[in-house]
Amino acid sequence: MTLNAEERRDLRQRYLKVDTANVADILDELGHPDLGLSADFWPIRQRLEKMAGWAYTVRGQLTPYPGTGDPRKMEAVGGIGPDELSVWSGGGAEGICFFGELIARGMQYRGSVGALVDGGIRDIEWLDRMDYPVFARYRTPVQSIGRWQVNAWQVPVYLPGATARQVTVRPGDFILADFDGAIVIPAELAADVLVKAEALTEKERLIRADLEAGATLPDVLARYGHV
């Protein structure tokens, strides 16, 4: 299903009103149990951060190189568009920063709505001041120039998973992340998963209301079934 820009934005706004836990439950029901991402991904702003967007993938690798910059990285950064979320695949690199404040500002200017970084970030104080959610694997002051280089973008990438060693993220898949973690929703399932997650969210709202009104847990489970 091809969505226009307005439909993509609307779907993203609706996803921000559901939780990763409910999305994970729906994906289980649909036979996709291994799309949750590693618990190592954490929100840089230590509060109830939430992030949703269409995946724009950037892939890189550890490699020594001369010069004072990475032109391919700058080209990749410039390609992102509205309602997209950059997904950085680091090739297992440790201790190297892939993403910082100035890259975030450049992407945000182009309409990007967040970043998911399988690697290091820096400039955390400045990132924290921006209305721009970032989930990353670790923090480090060590820059990537001369050490780590972008080799492709808008290609399928692997990220470490929660229940599987690797999760594939393709350009255009949907990413949802909150304080419970991050999960990938394949593009072809994004609309259907959202509708089902919205229904589950409403069921949970009714259960909470009944419990607050004095119903017992067995009562609500008998009425609504397992959630």
Protein backbone atom coordinates (compact mmCIF):
# COMPACT_ATOMS: atom_id res chain seq x y z
CA MET A 1 0.00 0.00 0.00
CA THR A 2 1.41 3.37 -1.05
CA LEU A 3 0.63 6.31 1.22
CA ASN A 4 0.85 9.96 0.30
CA ALA A 5 2.62 12.48 2.54
CA GLU A 6 -0.54 13.42 4.45
CA GLU A 7 -1.45 9.77 5.08
CA ARG A 8 2.08 8.99 6.27
CA ARG A 9 1.96 11.93 8.70
CA ASP A 10 -1.47 10.93 9.99
CA LEU A 11 -0.41 7.34 10.57
CA ARG A 12 2.71 8.49 12.41
CA GLN A 13 0.67 10.78 14.68
CA ARG A 14 -1.68 7.91 15.50
CA TYR A 15 1.23 5.61 16.34
CA LEU A 16 2.41 8.15 18.91
CA LYS A 17 -0.80 7.41 20.85
CA VAL A 18 -0.15 3.66 21.25
CA ASP A 19 2.55 1.83 23.20
CA THR A 20 5.30 -0.47 22.01
CA ALA A 21 3.95 -3.13 24.38
CA ASN A 22 0.60 -3.23 22.58
CA VAL A 23 2.29 -3.18 19.18
CA ALA A 24 4.50 -6.09 20.25
CA ASP A 25 1.41 -8.05 21.35
CA ILE A 26 -0.29 -7.45 17.99
CA LEU A 27 2.82 -8.50 16.07
CA ASP A 28 2.89 -11.71 18.13
CA GLU A 29 -0.75 -12.37 17.18
CA LEU A 30 0.09 -11.82 13.51
CA GLY A 31 3.00 -14.27 13.64
CA HIS A 32 5.89 -11.80 13.82
CA PRO A 33 7.41 -12.42 17.27
CA ASP A 34 10.99 -11.26 16.69
CA LEU A 35 10.77 -7.59 15.71
CA GLY A 36 11.57 -6.07 19.09
CA LEU A 37 14.98 -4.42 19.32
CA SER A 38 17.69 -4.92 21.92
CA ALA A 39 17.20 -3.41 25.36
CA ASP A 40 20.57 -1.68 24.82
CA PHE A 41 18.77 1.07 22.89
CA TRP A 42 17.98 3.83 25.39
CA PRO A 43 16.39 7.31 25.12
CA ILE A 44 18.91 10.06 25.72
CA ARG A 45 16.32 12.19 27.53
CA GLN A 46 15.69 10.31 30.75
CA ARG A 47 11.96 10.73 30.83
CA LEU A 48 9.00 9.13 29.08
CA GLU A 49 10.42 9.70 25.62
CA LYS A 50 8.49 8.52 22.57
CA MET A 51 9.51 8.33 18.94
CA ALA A 52 7.76 7.16 15.78
CA GLY A 53 8.64 7.45 12.12
CA TRP A 54 9.35 5.83 8.79
CA ALA A 55 12.81 4.29 8.62
CA TYR A 56 15.52 6.09 6.66
CA THR A 57 18.53 3.80 6.93
CA VAL A 58 22.22 4.73 7.10
CA ARG A 59 24.92 2.04 7.18
CA GLY A 60 28.58 2.40 8.07
CA GLN A 61 31.66 0.50 9.13
CA LEU A 62 34.90 0.87 11.03
CA THR A 63 37.64 1.76 8.57
CA PRO A 64 40.66 4.09 8.80
CA TYR A 65 40.66 6.83 6.18
CA PRO A 66 42.44 10.16 5.57
CA GLY A 67 40.83 13.57 5.45
CA THR A 68 38.78 15.82 7.65
CA GLY A 69 35.26 14.62 6.92
CA ASP A 70 32.97 11.96 5.47
CA PRO A 71 31.28 13.29 2.31
CA ARG A 72 29.05 10.22 1.98
CA LYS A 73 27.74 10.77 5.49
CA MET A 74 26.81 14.33 4.61
CA GLU A 75 25.09 13.13 1.43
CA ALA A 76 23.13 10.54 3.40
CA VAL A 77 22.07 13.10 6.00
CA GLY A 78 20.76 15.39 3.27
CA GLY A 79 18.43 12.76 1.82
CA ILE A 80 16.06 12.35 4.75
CA GLY A 81 12.55 13.75 4.53
CA PRO A 82 9.45 14.63 6.59
CA ASP A 83 8.16 12.09 9.13
CA GLU A 84 11.24 9.91 8.61
CA LEU A 85 13.41 8.61 11.39
CA SER A 86 17.09 7.91 10.71
CA VAL A 87 18.23 4.37 11.55
CA TRP A 88 22.02 4.09 11.91
CA SER A 89 23.58 0.65 11.53
CA GLY A 90 27.07 0.61 12.95
CA GLY A 91 28.49 -2.75 11.94
CA GLY A 92 29.26 -3.63 15.56
CA ALA A 93 31.51 -0.61 16.11
CA GLU A 94 32.20 0.23 19.75
CA GLY A 95 33.34 3.52 21.22
CA ILE A 96 32.77 5.65 18.10
CA CYS A 97 30.24 8.47 17.73
CA PHE A 98 28.05 8.20 14.63
CA PHE A 99 25.59 10.94 15.48
CA GLY A 100 25.65 14.32 17.22
CA GLU A 101 23.87 17.63 17.58
CA LEU A 102 24.77 19.21 14.23
CA ILE A 103 23.69 16.13 12.25
CA ALA A 104 20.48 16.06 14.29
CA ARG A 105 19.80 19.72 13.52
CA GLY A 106 20.40 19.19 9.80
CA MET A 107 18.04 16.23 9.72
CA GLN A 108 15.42 17.96 11.84
CA TYR A 109 15.49 20.91 9.43
CA ARG A 110 14.54 18.50 6.64
CA GLY A 111 11.55 17.19 8.62
CA SER A 112 13.13 14.21 10.34
CA VAL A 113 11.41 13.19 13.58
CA GLY A 114 14.13 11.29 15.44
CA ALA A 115 17.07 8.91 15.29
CA LEU A 116 17.73 5.29 16.25
CA VAL A 117 21.48 4.74 16.52
CA ASP A 118 23.11 1.30 16.69
CA GLY A 119 26.27 2.90 18.00
CA GLY A 120 27.53 5.96 19.81
CA ILE A 121 26.31 9.52 20.12
CA ARG A 122 27.73 12.69 21.65
CA ASP A 123 26.63 16.31 22.27
CA ILE A 124 24.00 14.86 24.58
CA GLU A 125 23.46 18.11 26.49
CA TRP A 126 22.63 19.92 23.25
CA LEU A 127 20.52 17.04 21.91
CA ASP A 128 18.58 17.10 25.17
CA ARG A 129 17.59 20.72 24.54
CA MET A 130 16.16 19.91 21.11
CA ASP A 131 12.64 18.62 20.60
CA TYR A 132 14.15 15.68 18.74
CA PRO A 133 14.08 12.18 20.28
CA VAL A 134 17.16 9.98 19.98
CA PHE A 135 17.57 6.36 21.06
CA ALA A 136 21.13 5.03 21.01
CA ARG A 137 23.33 2.13 22.18
CA TYR A 138 26.01 4.14 24.00
CA ARG A 139 27.60 7.56 24.46
CA THR A 140 31.15 8.57 23.61
CA PRO A 141 33.09 11.77 22.91
CA VAL A 142 35.19 10.06 20.19
CA GLN A 143 34.34 11.31 16.69
CA SER A 144 33.90 9.07 13.65
CA ILE A 145 36.19 11.05 11.30
CA GLY A 146 39.12 8.87 10.29
CA ARG A 147 37.65 5.86 12.13
CA TRP A 148 34.11 5.05 10.94
CA GLN A 149 32.59 5.85 7.57
CA VAL A 150 29.18 5.66 5.92
CA ASN A 151 29.16 3.14 3.07
CA ALA A 152 25.47 3.10 2.06
CA TRP A 153 22.07 4.53 2.86
CA GLN A 154 18.48 3.60 2.11
CA VAL A 155 19.41 -0.09 2.06
CA PRO A 156 18.23 -2.90 4.39
CA VAL A 157 20.25 -2.97 7.62
CA TYR A 158 20.57 -5.26 10.62
CA LEU A 159 19.99 -4.11 14.19
CA PRO A 160 20.43 -6.22 17.35
CA GLY A 161 17.17 -7.77 18.46
CA ALA A 162 15.45 -8.57 21.74
CA THR A 163 14.49 -12.18 20.95
CA ALA A 164 16.54 -12.66 17.80
CA ARG A 165 20.20 -11.94 17.17
CA GLN A 166 19.36 -9.55 14.34
CA VAL A 167 16.31 -7.66 13.12
CA THR A 168 16.19 -6.43 9.53
CA VAL A 169 15.09 -2.83 9.01
CA ARG A 170 14.24 -1.84 5.45
CA PRO A 171 13.82 1.69 4.15
CA GLY A 172 10.18 2.62 4.72
CA ASP A 173 9.54 0.22 7.59
CA PHE A 174 8.01 1.85 10.65
CA ILE A 175 9.85 2.36 13.95
CA LEU A 176 8.13 2.92 17.28
CA ALA A 177 10.13 3.52 20.46
CA ASP A 178 9.15 4.49 23.98
CA PHE A 179 10.42 3.93 27.51
CA ASP A 180 9.69 0.20 27.20
CA GLY A 181 11.99 -0.13 24.17
CA ALA A 182 11.93 -0.04 20.38
CA ILE A 183 10.21 -2.20 17.79
CA VAL A 184 10.11 -2.49 13.99
CA ILE A 185 6.81 -2.73 12.10
CA PRO A 186 7.22 -3.91 8.50
CA ALA A 187 5.89 -1.31 6.06
CA GLU A 188 3.27 -3.65 4.62
CA LEU A 189 1.85 -4.31 8.10
CA ALA A 190 2.02 -0.77 9.51
CA ALA A 191 -1.60 0.23 8.86
CA ASP A 192 -3.14 -3.07 10.00
CA VAL A 193 -0.97 -3.26 13.14
CA LEU A 194 -1.94 0.31 14.05
CA VAL A 195 -5.68 -0.36 13.83
CA LYS A 196 -5.35 -3.45 16.01
CA ALA A 197 -3.07 -1.65 18.50
CA GLU A 198 -5.58 1.20 18.76
CA ALA A 199 -8.34 -1.30 19.56
CA LEU A 200 -6.17 -2.95 22.21
CA THR A 201 -5.35 0.45 23.69
CA GLU A 202 -9.06 1.24 23.98
CA LYS A 203 -9.75 -2.14 25.61
CA GLU A 204 -7.06 -1.43 28.20
CA ARG A 205 -8.60 2.00 28.87
CA LEU A 206 -11.94 0.35 29.62
CA ILE A 207 -10.29 -2.22 31.88
CA ARG A 208 -8.54 0.49 33.88
CA ALA A 209 -11.80 2.38 34.26
CA ASP A 210 -13.60 -0.74 35.51
CA LEU A 211 -10.80 -1.53 37.98
CA GLU A 212 -10.85 2.04 39.28
CA ALA A 213 -14.64 1.73 39.71
CA GLY A 214 -14.16 -1.30 41.96
CA ALA A 215 -14.29 -4.29 39.63
CA THR A 216 -12.02 -7.22 40.45
CA LEU A 217 -9.36 -8.50 38.08
CA PRO A 218 -11.26 -11.80 37.51
CA ASP A 219 -14.35 -9.70 36.66
CA VAL A 220 -12.59 -7.66 34.00
CA LEU A 221 -10.77 -10.66 32.54
CA ALA A 222 -14.10 -12.46 32.22
CA ARG A 223 -15.56 -9.43 30.48
CA TYR A 224 -12.69 -8.44 28.21
CA GLY A 225 -10.51 -11.52 27.97
CA HIS A 226 -6.74 -11.68 28.41
CA VAL A 227 -4.70 -8.60 27.55
